């Protein structure tokens, strides 16, 4: 984005005849108005490179279709680092190909985003490519999403103490450092990570545990550390585990004191009374009294069980 000068200069009477006649209070008011206008107009520089637009469909619902050529967002920010300070919410476009961009250009862009509040790294990152994120710190960052294990782990550890929202893919490993998410309120990601965070995440309100890759896991850990989060209101557990494994995870859990919404998804056990007729198999009902024992205050409950991954039969109560 090239900054263009005004097509004509300010008239002389504005500066010589009008402003010089203003009193101290009027000059101060004019100064504050101009400064406010500059603060408002700055972010508008990014209107035409937004990734999504809001439309209303035939049913009256809002839709967010992707704008064409969204990859130009990256190119525009790399070319002009001056506008990077106006970026507050940024998602890496999935169709961006960084082969011709040097790592120093990325690092300059990240360092210029001093007002970044939310960062979503959900693109298909290229393994081995340097995105310039090593030891980058965003002072205003509060929301972070990381879907690629090829990114530098320091991005999470440097910001975990100030993040309020964190979303990780199930293949993202957080280094076993002494991380203390003191401000974390929303978490979505692997089980082991949130169990480590639960010792310090006293403000956690929404927790979504999602794991699909369970190869090599011999035993599932207990969910009892999450019960120490007294502010936890919503818990969603979606695992490729059996009902017996889930009951083992909940066996030693103390009551969750403030739980309102509970969602459990696991692999069901089927009773095959008709071995030669699979379509007549009878599904064993979940053991509700044991599954729901640690959640006495929950008012909205959903239990989903399936025999195979990706196909779940829903049983909702409450």
Protein backbone atom coordinates (compact mmCIF):
# COMPACT_ATOMS: atom_id res chain seq x y z
CA UNK A 1 0.00 0.00 0.00
CA UNK A 2 1.53 3.29 -1.12
CA UNK A 3 0.76 6.41 0.87
CA UNK A 4 -0.40 9.17 -1.45
CA UNK A 5 -0.19 12.86 -0.65
CA UNK A 6 -3.20 15.12 -0.76
CA UNK A 7 -4.12 16.24 -4.25
CA UNK A 8 -4.08 19.85 -3.09
CA UNK A 9 -2.47 21.65 -0.21
CA UNK A 10 -4.32 23.03 2.77
CA UNK A 11 -5.67 26.51 2.11
CA UNK A 12 -3.63 29.24 3.71
CA UNK A 13 -6.61 30.77 5.46
CA UNK A 14 -7.13 27.55 7.42
CA UNK A 15 -3.71 27.76 9.01
CA UNK A 16 -3.19 31.54 9.13
CA UNK A 17 -6.65 32.99 9.64
CA UNK A 18 -8.68 30.32 11.43
CA UNK A 19 -6.34 28.26 13.60
CA UNK A 20 -4.41 31.26 14.87
CA UNK A 21 -7.64 32.87 16.06
CA UNK A 22 -8.61 29.85 18.18
CA UNK A 23 -8.17 30.03 21.90
CA UNK A 24 -6.22 27.55 23.99
CA UNK A 25 -9.25 25.41 24.76
CA UNK A 26 -10.44 25.34 21.14
CA UNK A 27 -6.97 24.43 19.90
CA UNK A 28 -6.82 21.59 22.39
CA UNK A 29 -10.23 20.31 21.28
CA UNK A 30 -9.17 20.49 17.62
CA UNK A 31 -5.99 18.60 18.42
CA UNK A 32 -7.88 15.84 20.23
CA UNK A 33 -10.41 15.51 17.40
CA UNK A 34 -7.65 15.22 14.79
CA UNK A 35 -5.78 12.64 16.86
CA UNK A 36 -8.96 10.61 17.32
CA UNK A 37 -9.67 10.77 13.60
CA UNK A 38 -6.20 9.46 12.87
CA UNK A 39 -6.67 6.56 15.30
CA UNK A 40 -10.01 5.64 13.70
CA UNK A 41 -8.91 5.99 10.10
CA UNK A 42 -5.72 3.96 10.57
CA UNK A 43 -7.36 0.51 10.80
CA UNK A 44 -9.58 1.37 7.83
CA UNK A 45 -6.49 1.04 5.66
CA UNK A 46 -6.98 -2.73 5.93
CA UNK A 47 -10.61 -2.82 4.80
CA UNK A 48 -9.87 -3.85 1.23
CA UNK A 49 -7.56 -6.72 2.20
CA UNK A 50 -9.95 -8.43 4.62
CA UNK A 51 -10.19 -12.19 4.27
CA UNK A 52 -13.96 -12.57 4.72
CA UNK A 53 -17.08 -10.59 4.02
CA UNK A 54 -20.40 -10.84 5.85
CA UNK A 55 -23.50 -11.64 3.81
CA UNK A 56 -27.06 -12.76 4.59
CA UNK A 57 -28.34 -15.92 2.91
CA UNK A 58 -31.91 -16.79 1.89
CA UNK A 59 -32.75 -18.03 5.39
CA UNK A 60 -31.58 -14.77 6.95
CA UNK A 61 -28.44 -16.26 8.49
CA UNK A 62 -25.09 -14.54 8.37
CA UNK A 63 -22.46 -16.14 6.15
CA UNK A 64 -18.77 -15.40 5.86
CA UNK A 65 -17.59 -16.27 2.34
CA UNK A 66 -13.89 -16.09 1.64
CA UNK A 67 -12.87 -13.14 -0.48
CA UNK A 68 -10.93 -13.95 -3.66
CA UNK A 69 -7.17 -13.52 -3.70
CA UNK A 70 -6.95 -13.58 0.08
CA UNK A 71 -3.29 -14.51 -0.22
CA UNK A 72 -2.63 -10.83 -1.03
CA UNK A 73 -3.02 -10.07 2.67
CA UNK A 74 0.39 -11.50 3.40
CA UNK A 75 1.98 -9.85 0.38
CA UNK A 76 0.55 -6.44 1.29
CA UNK A 77 1.74 -6.64 4.88
CA UNK A 78 5.20 -7.83 3.89
CA UNK A 79 5.62 -4.98 1.42
CA UNK A 80 4.54 -2.26 3.84
CA UNK A 81 5.36 -2.88 7.48
CA UNK A 82 3.91 0.51 8.48
CA UNK A 83 0.35 -0.79 8.28
CA UNK A 84 1.19 -3.91 10.33
CA UNK A 85 0.75 -1.93 13.54
CA UNK A 86 -2.94 -1.51 12.72
CA UNK A 87 -3.53 -5.29 12.48
CA UNK A 88 -5.34 -6.67 15.52
CA UNK A 89 -6.78 -9.97 14.22
CA UNK A 90 -4.78 -12.01 11.75
CA UNK A 91 -5.22 -15.46 10.23
CA UNK A 92 -2.60 -16.95 7.95
CA UNK A 93 -4.24 -17.62 4.55
CA UNK A 94 -4.21 -21.27 3.57
CA UNK A 95 -3.46 -20.52 -0.07
CA UNK A 96 -0.30 -18.54 0.61
CA UNK A 97 2.94 -19.99 -0.77
CA UNK A 98 6.00 -18.43 0.89
CA UNK A 99 8.71 -19.89 -1.32
CA UNK A 100 9.90 -16.53 -2.68
CA UNK A 101 9.69 -14.64 0.63
CA UNK A 102 12.91 -14.43 2.67
CA UNK A 103 12.64 -15.21 6.41
CA UNK A 104 13.84 -11.70 7.31
CA UNK A 105 10.74 -10.24 5.64
CA UNK A 106 8.49 -12.41 7.79
CA UNK A 107 10.35 -11.46 10.93
CA UNK A 108 10.04 -7.76 10.13
CA UNK A 109 6.30 -8.20 9.57
CA UNK A 110 5.77 -10.02 12.89
CA UNK A 111 7.82 -7.47 14.82
CA UNK A 112 5.71 -4.65 13.35
CA UNK A 113 2.43 -6.18 14.64
CA UNK A 114 2.67 -4.57 18.05
CA UNK A 115 -1.13 -4.32 18.48
CA UNK A 116 -1.94 -7.90 17.47
CA UNK A 117 -4.67 -9.36 19.70
CA UNK A 118 -5.57 -12.65 17.97
CA UNK A 119 -3.35 -14.84 15.79
CA UNK A 120 -4.56 -17.96 13.97
CA UNK A 121 -1.90 -20.18 12.39
CA UNK A 122 -4.17 -22.76 10.80
CA UNK A 123 -2.57 -22.95 7.37
CA UNK A 124 -0.72 -25.95 5.98
CA UNK A 125 2.72 -24.90 7.07
CA UNK A 126 5.68 -26.21 5.17
CA UNK A 127 7.94 -28.36 7.30
CA UNK A 128 11.45 -26.96 7.47
CA UNK A 129 10.50 -23.47 6.28
CA UNK A 130 11.52 -20.59 8.54
CA UNK A 131 8.49 -18.39 9.20
CA UNK A 132 10.51 -15.94 11.29
CA UNK A 133 8.54 -16.62 14.49
CA UNK A 134 11.45 -17.69 16.65
CA UNK A 135 11.45 -15.64 19.89
CA UNK A 136 8.79 -13.25 18.54
CA UNK A 137 6.73 -11.66 21.31
CA UNK A 138 3.41 -9.89 20.73
CA UNK A 139 2.73 -7.70 23.78
CA UNK A 140 -1.03 -7.46 23.18
CA UNK A 141 -1.70 -11.06 22.08
CA UNK A 142 -4.60 -12.69 23.93
CA UNK A 143 -5.88 -15.37 21.51
CA UNK A 144 -3.73 -17.95 19.76
CA UNK A 145 -4.51 -20.90 17.51
CA UNK A 146 -1.76 -23.26 16.30
CA UNK A 147 -2.58 -26.20 14.03
CA UNK A 148 0.91 -27.16 12.86
CA UNK A 149 3.59 -29.00 14.80
CA UNK A 150 6.27 -27.53 12.53
CA UNK A 151 6.09 -24.10 14.18
CA UNK A 152 8.53 -23.01 16.84
CA UNK A 153 7.36 -23.98 20.36
CA UNK A 154 8.58 -20.68 21.81
CA UNK A 155 5.54 -18.95 20.30
CA UNK A 156 3.34 -20.68 22.89
CA UNK A 157 5.66 -20.51 25.86
CA UNK A 158 6.34 -16.78 25.43
CA UNK A 159 2.63 -15.87 25.47
CA UNK A 160 1.00 -18.50 27.67
CA UNK A 161 1.07 -16.26 30.74
CA UNK A 162 -1.10 -13.59 29.04
CA UNK A 163 -3.34 -15.68 26.75
CA UNK A 164 -7.06 -15.90 27.41
CA UNK A 165 -7.89 -18.22 24.46
CA UNK A 166 -5.66 -21.08 23.29
CA UNK A 167 -6.44 -23.65 20.61
CA UNK A 168 -3.97 -26.38 19.66
CA UNK A 169 -4.13 -29.25 17.21
CA UNK A 170 -3.72 -32.74 18.65
CA UNK A 171 -0.24 -33.07 17.13
CA UNK A 172 1.11 -29.87 18.69
CA UNK A 173 3.46 -30.52 21.59
CA UNK A 174 4.02 -27.85 24.21
CA UNK A 175 7.50 -27.94 25.78
CA UNK A 176 7.48 -29.18 29.39
CA UNK A 177 8.49 -25.81 30.80
CA UNK A 178 7.18 -24.15 33.93
CA UNK A 179 4.37 -22.43 32.05
CA UNK A 180 1.69 -20.71 34.08
CA UNK A 181 -1.44 -19.71 32.12
CA UNK A 182 -2.76 -17.37 34.77
CA UNK A 183 -5.29 -15.67 32.45
CA UNK A 184 -6.50 -18.62 30.36
CA UNK A 185 -10.31 -18.82 30.10
CA UNK A 186 -10.86 -20.91 26.92
CA UNK A 187 -8.85 -23.98 25.91
CA UNK A 188 -9.24 -26.36 22.96
CA UNK A 189 -6.63 -29.02 22.39
CA UNK A 190 -4.89 -32.19 23.62
CA UNK A 191 -5.53 -33.76 27.00
CA UNK A 192 -2.01 -33.86 28.43
CA UNK A 193 -1.45 -30.15 27.85
CA UNK A 194 -4.54 -28.98 29.72
CA UNK A 195 -3.77 -31.30 32.62
CA UNK A 196 -0.43 -29.54 33.00
CA UNK A 197 -2.10 -26.14 32.68
CA UNK A 198 -4.84 -26.95 35.19
CA UNK A 199 -2.46 -26.47 38.11
CA UNK A 200 -2.29 -22.75 37.34
CA UNK A 201 -5.35 -22.05 35.14
CA UNK A 202 -7.67 -20.96 37.94
CA UNK A 203 -9.69 -18.78 35.56
CA UNK A 204 -10.48 -21.56 33.04
CA UNK A 205 -14.15 -21.42 32.01
CA UNK A 206 -14.40 -23.46 28.79
CA UNK A 207 -12.32 -26.59 28.16
CA UNK A 208 -12.59 -28.71 25.00
CA UNK A 209 -10.40 -31.84 24.91
CA UNK A 210 -10.05 -33.36 21.48
CA UNK A 211 -7.70 -36.23 20.63
CA UNK A 212 -7.71 -38.51 17.64
CA UNK A 213 -4.17 -39.87 17.43
CA UNK A 214 -3.99 -42.33 20.34
CA UNK A 215 -1.37 -44.67 18.92
CA UNK A 216 0.96 -45.81 21.65
CA UNK A 217 -1.22 -44.61 24.57
CA UNK A 218 -1.48 -47.48 27.01
CA UNK A 219 -3.43 -45.67 29.72
CA UNK A 220 -5.57 -42.55 29.87
CA UNK A 221 -4.81 -40.12 32.71
CA UNK A 222 -7.33 -38.99 35.29
CA UNK A 223 -9.36 -35.81 34.83
CA UNK A 224 -9.18 -35.00 38.53
CA UNK A 225 -6.77 -32.03 38.06
CA UNK A 226 -9.49 -30.21 36.12
CA UNK A 227 -11.78 -30.31 39.15
CA UNK A 228 -9.46 -27.80 40.81
CA UNK A 229 -10.59 -25.19 38.26
CA UNK A 230 -13.57 -23.89 40.22
CA UNK A 231 -14.49 -21.45 37.44
CA UNK A 232 -14.90 -24.21 34.82
CA UNK A 233 -18.41 -23.94 33.33
CA UNK A 234 -18.19 -25.98 30.10
CA UNK A 235 -16.34 -29.26 29.55
CA UNK A 236 -16.21 -31.09 26.21
CA UNK A 237 -14.33 -34.39 25.96
CA UNK A 238 -14.03 -36.04 22.53
CA UNK A 239 -11.66 -39.03 22.62
CA UNK A 240 -10.97 -42.19 20.68
CA UNK A 241 -11.34 -44.16 23.89
CA UNK A 242 -13.75 -46.77 25.17
CA UNK A 243 -16.36 -46.22 27.84
CA UNK A 244 -14.21 -48.18 30.29
CA UNK A 245 -11.30 -45.83 29.65
CA UNK A 246 -13.51 -42.79 30.17
CA UNK A 247 -14.90 -44.23 33.41
CA UNK A 248 -11.33 -44.82 34.59
CA UNK A 249 -10.51 -41.18 33.85
CA UNK A 250 -13.51 -40.03 35.92
CA UNK A 251 -13.23 -42.59 38.74
CA UNK A 252 -11.19 -40.55 41.20
CA UNK A 253 -12.51 -37.13 40.21
CA UNK A 254 -13.94 -34.95 42.96
CA UNK A 255 -17.17 -33.11 42.11
CA UNK A 256 -16.85 -30.28 39.63
CA UNK A 257 -18.40 -27.42 41.61
CA UNK A 258 -19.53 -25.04 38.86
CA UNK A 259 -20.14 -27.16 35.77
CA UNK A 260 -23.10 -26.11 33.60
CA UNK A 261 -22.53 -27.77 30.21
CA UNK A 262 -21.06 -31.26 29.68
CA UNK A 263 -20.28 -33.01 26.39
CA UNK A 264 -18.83 -36.54 26.30
CA UNK A 265 -17.92 -38.44 23.11
CA UNK A 266 -16.27 -41.86 23.09
CA UNK A 267 -16.37 -45.30 21.45
CA UNK A 268 -19.36 -47.37 22.47
CA UNK A 269 -19.51 -51.10 23.28
CA UNK A 270 -21.96 -53.20 21.31
CA UNK A 271 -23.56 -56.47 22.48
CA UNK A 272 -23.60 -58.86 19.54
CA UNK A 273 -26.48 -61.22 20.30
CA UNK A 274 -26.79 -62.03 16.59
CA UNK A 275 -23.26 -62.74 15.25
CA UNK A 276 -24.53 -63.63 11.80
CA UNK A 277 -26.77 -60.55 11.55
CA UNK A 278 -24.72 -57.39 12.26
CA UNK A 279 -27.67 -55.13 11.58
CA UNK A 280 -29.48 -56.63 14.57
CA UNK A 281 -26.74 -55.86 17.05
CA UNK A 282 -28.00 -54.27 20.23
CA UNK A 283 -26.16 -51.26 21.58
CA UNK A 284 -25.47 -51.25 25.27
CA UNK A 285 -26.68 -48.03 26.92
CA UNK A 286 -24.05 -45.81 28.51
CA UNK A 287 -23.50 -46.06 32.25
CA UNK A 288 -24.97 -42.65 32.96
CA UNK A 289 -24.86 -42.77 36.76
CA UNK A 290 -21.10 -43.37 36.73
CA UNK A 291 -20.32 -41.00 33.87
CA UNK A 292 -22.23 -38.13 35.43
CA UNK A 293 -21.30 -38.71 39.07
CA UNK A 294 -18.55 -36.02 39.15
CA UNK A 295 -20.91 -33.42 37.66
CA UNK A 296 -23.74 -32.85 40.15
CA UNK A 297 -24.45 -29.25 39.11
CA UNK A 298 -24.55 -29.83 35.34
CA UNK A 299 -27.82 -28.77 33.70
CA UNK A 300 -27.09 -29.42 30.00
CA UNK A 301 -25.59 -32.80 29.08
CA UNK A 302 -24.87 -34.53 25.77
CA UNK A 303 -23.35 -38.01 25.42
CA UNK A 304 -22.25 -39.31 22.04
CA UNK A 305 -21.13 -42.90 21.56
CA UNK A 306 -19.97 -44.66 18.41
CA UNK A 307 -18.63 -48.04 17.39
CA UNK A 308 -16.21 -46.64 14.82
CA UNK A 309 -14.38 -43.34 14.57
CA UNK A 310 -16.27 -40.61 12.77
CA UNK A 311 -19.74 -42.16 13.26
CA UNK A 312 -21.36 -41.36 16.58
CA UNK A 313 -24.87 -42.04 17.82
CA UNK A 314 -26.17 -39.26 20.03
CA UNK A 315 -27.81 -39.67 23.39
CA UNK A 316 -28.78 -36.38 24.95
CA UNK A 317 -30.23 -35.92 28.41
CA UNK A 318 -30.93 -32.91 30.53
